[in-house]
N, C-alpha and C. Protein backbone atom coordinates (compact mmCIF):
# COMPACT_ATOMS: atom_id res chain seq x y z
N MET A 1 14.07 -27.68 -43.63
CA MET A 1 14.38 -26.76 -42.56
C MET A 1 15.56 -25.89 -43.01
N ARG A 2 15.43 -24.57 -42.72
CA ARG A 2 16.48 -23.62 -43.12
C ARG A 2 16.63 -22.53 -42.07
N ARG A 3 17.82 -21.92 -42.06
CA ARG A 3 18.07 -20.77 -41.19
C ARG A 3 17.04 -19.69 -41.52
N GLY A 4 16.47 -19.10 -40.48
CA GLY A 4 15.48 -18.05 -40.67
C GLY A 4 14.04 -18.54 -40.61
N GLU A 5 13.84 -19.85 -40.58
CA GLU A 5 12.49 -20.37 -40.48
C GLU A 5 12.03 -20.42 -39.02
N ILE A 6 10.74 -20.27 -38.85
CA ILE A 6 10.12 -20.33 -37.52
C ILE A 6 9.36 -21.66 -37.44
N TRP A 7 9.64 -22.40 -36.37
CA TRP A 7 9.02 -23.71 -36.13
C TRP A 7 8.41 -23.72 -34.74
N SER A 8 7.51 -24.64 -34.50
CA SER A 8 6.98 -24.85 -33.15
C SER A 8 7.81 -25.94 -32.48
N VAL A 9 7.94 -25.82 -31.17
CA VAL A 9 8.67 -26.83 -30.40
C VAL A 9 8.09 -26.90 -29.00
N ALA A 10 8.05 -28.09 -28.45
CA ALA A 10 7.73 -28.30 -27.04
C ALA A 10 8.78 -29.25 -26.53
N GLY A 11 9.60 -28.78 -25.64
CA GLY A 11 10.70 -29.62 -25.17
C GLY A 11 10.87 -29.53 -23.68
N ARG A 12 11.99 -28.96 -23.28
CA ARG A 12 12.33 -28.90 -21.86
C ARG A 12 12.91 -27.52 -21.54
N GLY A 13 13.12 -27.27 -20.28
CA GLY A 13 13.73 -26.00 -19.88
C GLY A 13 12.90 -24.81 -20.30
N TYR A 14 13.56 -23.83 -20.92
CA TYR A 14 12.85 -22.63 -21.37
C TYR A 14 11.78 -22.94 -22.40
N ALA A 15 11.92 -24.05 -23.10
CA ALA A 15 10.96 -24.42 -24.14
C ALA A 15 9.98 -25.48 -23.65
N ALA A 16 9.73 -25.53 -22.34
CA ALA A 16 8.86 -26.56 -21.78
C ALA A 16 7.42 -26.43 -22.29
N LYS A 17 6.96 -25.20 -22.50
CA LYS A 17 5.63 -25.03 -23.07
C LYS A 17 5.77 -24.87 -24.58
N PRO A 18 4.75 -25.26 -25.33
CA PRO A 18 4.84 -25.09 -26.79
C PRO A 18 5.07 -23.63 -27.13
N ARG A 19 6.05 -23.39 -27.98
CA ARG A 19 6.35 -22.01 -28.38
C ARG A 19 7.06 -22.02 -29.71
N PRO A 20 7.05 -20.88 -30.39
CA PRO A 20 7.80 -20.79 -31.64
C PRO A 20 9.29 -20.60 -31.37
N VAL A 21 10.10 -21.14 -32.27
CA VAL A 21 11.55 -20.96 -32.22
C VAL A 21 12.03 -20.55 -33.60
N LEU A 22 13.16 -19.86 -33.63
CA LEU A 22 13.77 -19.43 -34.89
C LEU A 22 15.03 -20.25 -35.13
N VAL A 23 15.14 -20.87 -36.28
CA VAL A 23 16.34 -21.62 -36.64
C VAL A 23 17.45 -20.62 -36.94
N VAL A 24 18.57 -20.71 -36.19
CA VAL A 24 19.70 -19.81 -36.39
C VAL A 24 20.96 -20.55 -36.85
N GLN A 25 20.88 -21.85 -36.93
CA GLN A 25 22.03 -22.66 -37.37
C GLN A 25 22.24 -22.46 -38.87
N SER A 26 23.49 -22.49 -39.29
CA SER A 26 23.87 -22.35 -40.69
C SER A 26 23.24 -23.46 -41.54
N ASP A 27 22.71 -23.09 -42.69
CA ASP A 27 22.10 -24.07 -43.60
C ASP A 27 23.07 -25.19 -43.95
N GLY A 28 24.34 -24.85 -44.12
CA GLY A 28 25.33 -25.84 -44.52
C GLY A 28 25.57 -26.94 -43.51
N THR A 29 25.28 -26.67 -42.24
CA THR A 29 25.52 -27.67 -41.19
C THR A 29 24.25 -28.43 -40.80
N LEU A 30 23.11 -27.99 -41.24
CA LEU A 30 21.85 -28.61 -40.82
C LEU A 30 21.75 -30.10 -41.15
N PRO A 31 22.15 -30.56 -42.33
CA PRO A 31 22.00 -31.99 -42.63
C PRO A 31 22.93 -32.90 -41.82
N SER A 32 23.96 -32.34 -41.22
CA SER A 32 24.99 -33.15 -40.57
C SER A 32 24.64 -33.59 -39.15
N TYR A 33 23.62 -33.03 -38.55
CA TYR A 33 23.35 -33.28 -37.14
C TYR A 33 21.89 -33.66 -36.92
N ASP A 34 21.64 -34.35 -35.80
CA ASP A 34 20.26 -34.72 -35.46
C ASP A 34 19.59 -33.65 -34.60
N SER A 35 20.32 -32.55 -34.35
CA SER A 35 19.76 -31.43 -33.60
C SER A 35 19.91 -30.16 -34.43
N VAL A 36 19.24 -29.12 -33.98
CA VAL A 36 19.29 -27.83 -34.67
C VAL A 36 19.39 -26.72 -33.61
N VAL A 37 20.17 -25.69 -33.89
CA VAL A 37 20.34 -24.57 -32.97
C VAL A 37 19.26 -23.53 -33.27
N VAL A 38 18.54 -23.15 -32.20
CA VAL A 38 17.42 -22.23 -32.34
C VAL A 38 17.49 -21.15 -31.26
N CYS A 39 16.73 -20.08 -31.49
CA CYS A 39 16.46 -19.08 -30.46
C CYS A 39 14.97 -19.13 -30.16
N LEU A 40 14.64 -19.00 -28.90
CA LEU A 40 13.24 -18.98 -28.50
C LEU A 40 12.60 -17.64 -28.85
N LEU A 41 11.30 -17.66 -29.09
CA LEU A 41 10.53 -16.45 -29.30
C LEU A 41 9.60 -16.25 -28.11
N THR A 42 9.24 -15.01 -27.86
CA THR A 42 8.32 -14.67 -26.78
C THR A 42 7.38 -13.57 -27.25
N SER A 43 6.23 -13.46 -26.62
CA SER A 43 5.32 -12.36 -26.91
C SER A 43 5.44 -11.26 -25.85
N VAL A 44 6.36 -11.44 -24.91
CA VAL A 44 6.57 -10.46 -23.84
C VAL A 44 7.56 -9.40 -24.32
N ASP A 45 7.10 -8.16 -24.36
CA ASP A 45 7.92 -7.03 -24.81
C ASP A 45 8.99 -6.71 -23.78
N ARG A 46 10.22 -6.60 -24.26
CA ARG A 46 11.33 -6.22 -23.37
C ARG A 46 12.34 -5.43 -24.19
N ASP A 47 12.59 -4.20 -23.79
CA ASP A 47 13.53 -3.34 -24.50
C ASP A 47 14.95 -3.75 -24.12
N ASP A 48 15.61 -4.48 -25.02
CA ASP A 48 16.91 -5.07 -24.71
C ASP A 48 17.65 -5.29 -26.01
N ALA A 49 18.95 -5.09 -26.02
CA ALA A 49 19.77 -5.29 -27.23
C ALA A 49 19.79 -6.75 -27.66
N CYS A 50 19.41 -7.65 -26.77
CA CYS A 50 19.43 -9.08 -27.08
C CYS A 50 18.08 -9.59 -27.56
N ARG A 51 17.12 -8.70 -27.69
CA ARG A 51 15.78 -9.08 -28.15
C ARG A 51 15.48 -8.34 -29.46
N VAL A 52 14.95 -9.05 -30.42
CA VAL A 52 14.63 -8.48 -31.72
C VAL A 52 13.13 -8.57 -31.96
N ARG A 53 12.51 -7.41 -32.15
CA ARG A 53 11.06 -7.34 -32.36
C ARG A 53 10.70 -7.86 -33.75
N ILE A 54 9.67 -8.69 -33.79
CA ILE A 54 9.18 -9.27 -35.03
C ILE A 54 7.69 -8.95 -35.15
N GLU A 55 7.32 -8.27 -36.22
CA GLU A 55 5.91 -8.00 -36.45
C GLU A 55 5.21 -9.28 -36.91
N ASN A 56 3.92 -9.34 -36.69
CA ASN A 56 3.16 -10.52 -37.12
C ASN A 56 2.77 -10.38 -38.59
N LEU A 57 3.79 -10.33 -39.45
CA LEU A 57 3.58 -10.26 -40.89
C LEU A 57 3.13 -11.63 -41.40
N PRO A 58 2.41 -11.67 -42.52
CA PRO A 58 1.92 -12.96 -43.03
C PRO A 58 3.02 -14.01 -43.21
N GLU A 59 4.21 -13.60 -43.70
CA GLU A 59 5.25 -14.60 -43.96
C GLU A 59 5.83 -15.21 -42.69
N THR A 60 5.69 -14.52 -41.54
CA THR A 60 6.21 -15.10 -40.30
C THR A 60 5.30 -16.19 -39.75
N GLY A 61 4.01 -16.10 -40.06
CA GLY A 61 3.06 -17.07 -39.54
C GLY A 61 2.71 -16.85 -38.08
N LEU A 62 3.26 -15.79 -37.48
CA LEU A 62 3.00 -15.51 -36.07
C LEU A 62 1.65 -14.84 -35.91
N LYS A 63 0.96 -15.14 -34.83
CA LYS A 63 -0.36 -14.58 -34.59
C LYS A 63 -0.31 -13.21 -33.94
N ARG A 64 0.84 -12.88 -33.34
CA ARG A 64 0.99 -11.58 -32.69
C ARG A 64 2.45 -11.14 -32.75
N GLU A 65 2.65 -9.88 -32.45
CA GLU A 65 4.01 -9.34 -32.39
C GLU A 65 4.82 -10.16 -31.40
N SER A 66 6.05 -10.48 -31.76
CA SER A 66 6.90 -11.33 -30.93
C SER A 66 8.32 -10.79 -30.90
N TRP A 67 9.13 -11.38 -30.03
CA TRP A 67 10.53 -11.00 -29.91
C TRP A 67 11.39 -12.26 -29.95
N VAL A 68 12.43 -12.21 -30.78
CA VAL A 68 13.43 -13.28 -30.80
C VAL A 68 14.34 -13.03 -29.61
N MET A 69 14.52 -14.04 -28.77
CA MET A 69 15.39 -13.91 -27.60
C MET A 69 16.77 -14.47 -27.95
N ALA A 70 17.65 -13.58 -28.42
CA ALA A 70 19.00 -14.02 -28.82
C ALA A 70 19.80 -14.51 -27.62
N ASP A 71 19.34 -14.21 -26.43
CA ASP A 71 20.01 -14.69 -25.21
C ASP A 71 19.49 -16.06 -24.78
N LYS A 72 18.53 -16.60 -25.51
CA LYS A 72 17.98 -17.93 -25.21
C LYS A 72 18.25 -18.83 -26.42
N ILE A 73 19.50 -19.27 -26.53
CA ILE A 73 19.95 -20.12 -27.63
C ILE A 73 20.01 -21.56 -27.12
N LEU A 74 19.46 -22.48 -27.88
CA LEU A 74 19.55 -23.87 -27.47
C LEU A 74 19.53 -24.79 -28.68
N ALA A 75 20.03 -25.98 -28.46
CA ALA A 75 19.96 -27.02 -29.48
C ALA A 75 18.81 -27.95 -29.12
N VAL A 76 17.96 -28.22 -30.09
CA VAL A 76 16.86 -29.16 -29.87
C VAL A 76 16.96 -30.26 -30.92
N ARG A 77 16.53 -31.43 -30.53
CA ARG A 77 16.52 -32.54 -31.48
C ARG A 77 15.51 -32.22 -32.59
N LYS A 78 15.87 -32.55 -33.78
CA LYS A 78 14.98 -32.27 -34.91
C LYS A 78 13.63 -32.95 -34.75
N ASP A 79 13.62 -34.12 -34.11
CA ASP A 79 12.35 -34.83 -33.94
C ASP A 79 11.47 -34.21 -32.85
N GLU A 80 11.98 -33.19 -32.14
CA GLU A 80 11.17 -32.46 -31.16
C GLU A 80 10.46 -31.26 -31.79
N LEU A 81 10.85 -30.93 -33.02
CA LEU A 81 10.20 -29.82 -33.71
C LEU A 81 8.81 -30.24 -34.16
N GLY A 82 7.89 -29.30 -34.05
CA GLY A 82 6.53 -29.56 -34.52
C GLY A 82 6.42 -29.19 -35.99
N SER A 83 5.62 -28.19 -36.27
CA SER A 83 5.39 -27.79 -37.66
C SER A 83 6.08 -26.47 -37.98
N ARG A 84 6.33 -26.26 -39.26
CA ARG A 84 6.90 -25.00 -39.72
C ARG A 84 5.80 -23.96 -39.66
N ILE A 85 6.11 -22.83 -39.03
CA ILE A 85 5.13 -21.76 -38.87
C ILE A 85 5.28 -20.71 -39.97
N GLY A 86 6.52 -20.35 -40.27
CA GLY A 86 6.76 -19.30 -41.27
C GLY A 86 8.24 -19.03 -41.41
N ARG A 87 8.54 -17.83 -41.90
CA ARG A 87 9.93 -17.45 -42.15
C ARG A 87 10.11 -15.98 -41.81
N LEU A 88 11.28 -15.65 -41.25
CA LEU A 88 11.61 -14.27 -40.92
C LEU A 88 12.07 -13.54 -42.18
N PRO A 89 11.61 -12.30 -42.39
CA PRO A 89 12.13 -11.50 -43.50
C PRO A 89 13.64 -11.26 -43.32
N ASP A 90 14.35 -11.07 -44.42
CA ASP A 90 15.80 -10.90 -44.38
C ASP A 90 16.25 -9.76 -43.46
N ALA A 91 15.53 -8.64 -43.47
CA ALA A 91 15.93 -7.50 -42.63
C ALA A 91 15.91 -7.87 -41.15
N GLU A 92 14.89 -8.59 -40.73
CA GLU A 92 14.81 -9.01 -39.33
C GLU A 92 15.87 -10.05 -39.02
N MET A 93 16.16 -10.94 -39.97
CA MET A 93 17.19 -11.95 -39.74
C MET A 93 18.56 -11.30 -39.58
N THR A 94 18.80 -10.22 -40.30
CA THR A 94 20.06 -9.47 -40.14
C THR A 94 20.15 -8.90 -38.72
N ARG A 95 19.04 -8.40 -38.20
CA ARG A 95 19.02 -7.88 -36.83
C ARG A 95 19.23 -8.99 -35.81
N VAL A 96 18.68 -10.16 -36.07
CA VAL A 96 18.90 -11.31 -35.19
C VAL A 96 20.38 -11.69 -35.19
N SER A 97 21.00 -11.71 -36.36
CA SER A 97 22.43 -12.04 -36.45
C SER A 97 23.26 -11.07 -35.63
N GLN A 98 22.91 -9.78 -35.68
CA GLN A 98 23.64 -8.78 -34.89
C GLN A 98 23.43 -9.03 -33.40
N ALA A 99 22.22 -9.34 -33.00
CA ALA A 99 21.95 -9.63 -31.58
C ALA A 99 22.72 -10.86 -31.12
N LEU A 100 22.82 -11.87 -31.97
CA LEU A 100 23.60 -13.07 -31.62
C LEU A 100 25.08 -12.73 -31.47
N ARG A 101 25.59 -11.87 -32.34
CA ARG A 101 26.99 -11.45 -32.19
C ARG A 101 27.20 -10.72 -30.86
N THR A 102 26.24 -9.91 -30.46
CA THR A 102 26.33 -9.21 -29.17
C THR A 102 26.34 -10.20 -28.02
N VAL A 103 25.41 -11.14 -28.03
CA VAL A 103 25.30 -12.12 -26.95
C VAL A 103 26.55 -13.00 -26.86
N LEU A 104 27.05 -13.42 -28.00
CA LEU A 104 28.17 -14.37 -28.03
C LEU A 104 29.54 -13.69 -28.07
N GLY A 105 29.56 -12.37 -28.17
CA GLY A 105 30.83 -11.66 -28.19
C GLY A 105 31.64 -11.91 -29.46
N LEU A 106 30.96 -12.06 -30.58
CA LEU A 106 31.64 -12.34 -31.86
C LEU A 106 31.85 -11.07 -32.66
């Protein structure tokens, strides 16, 4: 598991239904914890500075155009993750990082 990878998860709250999530936690901290910090993805288009559009490119593994919801950040237990779906291209991950800075005021 690495920052920028897309995984499936079915958990609780906003992630109650199976959906893809993007790992946003730093690679250096991933081995230290039993949970991982992710952002939820959605297929619902919303023009917002906190949402990052992701095309359904082959490397993402997504079946349709999606949006990373930088305003929906959560920690999930690693054992709640399903399978690895794909990986975000670097350019999109840079945009996600900017959206996270906006949401978190960093």
